[in-house]
Amino acid sequence: MIDLVWEREINPGKVSDLTLPLDRSADAYQAMDERRAITVLLSP
């Protein structure tokens, strides 16, 4: 899937339902564990 993102064939924002900065990756796992998010996009 990452190849499709890099080639701009898919938009990861349409796949992920939550975006957080990389330094909040623990919050991303917590959100998925609590079912507040299905997938999380971590941005640099």
N, C-alpha and C. Protein backbone atom coordinates (compact mmCIF):
# COMPACT_ATOMS: atom_id res chain seq x y z
N MET A 1 0.82 -1.19 0.00
CA MET A 1 0.00 0.00 0.00
C MET A 1 0.87 1.25 0.00
N ILE A 2 2.02 1.21 0.68
CA ILE A 2 2.86 2.40 0.75
C ILE A 2 3.32 2.84 -0.64
N ASP A 3 3.55 1.87 -1.54
CA ASP A 3 3.94 2.23 -2.90
C ASP A 3 2.85 3.05 -3.59
N LEU A 4 1.61 2.69 -3.37
CA LEU A 4 0.51 3.44 -3.97
C LEU A 4 0.42 4.85 -3.41
N VAL A 5 0.74 5.01 -2.14
CA VAL A 5 0.74 6.34 -1.53
C VAL A 5 1.86 7.17 -2.14
N TRP A 6 3.07 6.61 -2.20
CA TRP A 6 4.22 7.34 -2.75
C TRP A 6 4.01 7.71 -4.21
N GLU A 7 3.33 6.85 -4.96
CA GLU A 7 3.05 7.12 -6.37
C GLU A 7 1.81 8.00 -6.54
N ARG A 8 1.23 8.42 -5.42
CA ARG A 8 0.05 9.28 -5.41
C ARG A 8 -1.15 8.66 -6.13
N GLU A 9 -1.22 7.33 -6.08
CA GLU A 9 -2.36 6.64 -6.67
C GLU A 9 -3.52 6.54 -5.68
N ILE A 10 -3.20 6.59 -4.39
CA ILE A 10 -4.25 6.63 -3.37
C ILE A 10 -3.91 7.73 -2.37
N ASN A 11 -4.92 8.23 -1.73
CA ASN A 11 -4.77 9.27 -0.72
C ASN A 11 -4.92 8.62 0.64
N PRO A 12 -3.85 8.59 1.46
CA PRO A 12 -3.95 7.92 2.75
C PRO A 12 -4.98 8.55 3.68
N GLY A 13 -5.31 9.80 3.46
CA GLY A 13 -6.33 10.45 4.27
C GLY A 13 -7.70 9.82 4.12
N LYS A 14 -7.92 9.17 3.00
CA LYS A 14 -9.20 8.50 2.78
C LYS A 14 -9.22 7.12 3.41
N VAL A 15 -8.06 6.62 3.79
CA VAL A 15 -7.96 5.31 4.44
C VAL A 15 -7.94 5.47 5.95
N SER A 16 -7.23 6.48 6.43
CA SER A 16 -7.08 6.72 7.86
C SER A 16 -8.18 7.64 8.35
N ASP A 17 -8.68 7.36 9.55
CA ASP A 17 -9.75 8.20 10.09
C ASP A 17 -9.27 9.10 11.22
N LEU A 18 -7.96 9.09 11.49
CA LEU A 18 -7.38 9.97 12.50
C LEU A 18 -5.95 10.27 12.09
N THR A 19 -5.54 11.52 12.20
CA THR A 19 -4.16 11.91 11.90
C THR A 19 -3.56 12.54 13.13
N LEU A 20 -2.37 12.06 13.50
CA LEU A 20 -1.65 12.58 14.66
C LEU A 20 -0.19 12.77 14.30
N PRO A 21 0.50 13.66 15.01
CA PRO A 21 1.94 13.78 14.78
C PRO A 21 2.66 12.53 15.29
N LEU A 22 3.82 12.27 14.73
CA LEU A 22 4.58 11.06 15.06
C LEU A 22 4.87 10.95 16.55
N ASP A 23 5.10 12.08 17.21
CA ASP A 23 5.42 12.02 18.64
C ASP A 23 4.22 11.65 19.51
N ARG A 24 3.05 11.49 18.90
CA ARG A 24 1.86 11.04 19.65
C ARG A 24 1.43 9.64 19.22
N SER A 25 2.41 8.83 18.82
CA SER A 25 2.08 7.48 18.35
C SER A 25 1.42 6.64 19.45
N ALA A 26 1.79 6.86 20.70
CA ALA A 26 1.14 6.12 21.79
C ALA A 26 -0.35 6.46 21.85
N ASP A 27 -0.69 7.72 21.59
CA ASP A 27 -2.11 8.12 21.56
C ASP A 27 -2.83 7.44 20.41
N ALA A 28 -2.12 7.23 19.31
CA ALA A 28 -2.72 6.56 18.16
C ALA A 28 -3.10 5.13 18.52
N TYR A 29 -2.19 4.41 19.17
CA TYR A 29 -2.49 3.04 19.59
C TYR A 29 -3.64 3.01 20.59
N GLN A 30 -3.68 3.98 21.48
CA GLN A 30 -4.76 4.03 22.47
C GLN A 30 -6.10 4.28 21.78
N ALA A 31 -6.12 5.19 20.80
CA ALA A 31 -7.36 5.48 20.08
C ALA A 31 -7.87 4.24 19.35
N MET A 32 -6.95 3.48 18.75
CA MET A 32 -7.37 2.26 18.06
C MET A 32 -7.84 1.21 19.07
N ASP A 33 -7.17 1.10 20.20
CA ASP A 33 -7.55 0.14 21.23
C ASP A 33 -8.94 0.45 21.80
N GLU A 34 -9.24 1.74 21.95
CA GLU A 34 -10.53 2.17 22.48
C GLU A 34 -11.60 2.28 21.40
N ARG A 35 -11.27 1.89 20.18
CA ARG A 35 -12.18 1.92 19.04
C ARG A 35 -12.65 3.33 18.68
N ARG A 36 -11.81 4.33 19.00
CA ARG A 36 -12.10 5.70 18.57
C ARG A 36 -11.54 5.94 17.18
N ALA A 37 -10.67 5.05 16.71
CA ALA A 37 -10.09 5.14 15.37
C ALA A 37 -9.89 3.74 14.83
N ILE A 38 -10.03 3.61 13.52
CA ILE A 38 -9.77 2.33 12.87
C ILE A 38 -8.31 2.28 12.44
N THR A 39 -7.88 3.31 11.73
CA THR A 39 -6.47 3.43 11.35
C THR A 39 -6.03 4.86 11.62
N VAL A 40 -4.76 5.02 11.92
CA VAL A 40 -4.22 6.34 12.24
C VAL A 40 -3.06 6.65 11.31
N LEU A 41 -3.08 7.83 10.74
CA LEU A 41 -1.97 8.31 9.92
C LEU A 41 -1.07 9.14 10.82
N LEU A 42 0.20 8.72 10.94
CA LEU A 42 1.17 9.47 11.74
C LEU A 42 1.97 10.35 10.80
N SER A 43 1.99 11.64 11.08
CA SER A 43 2.72 12.59 10.23
C SER A 43 4.00 13.03 10.92
N PRO A 44 5.04 13.29 10.12
CA PRO A 44 6.33 13.72 10.71
C PRO A 44 6.25 15.08 11.37
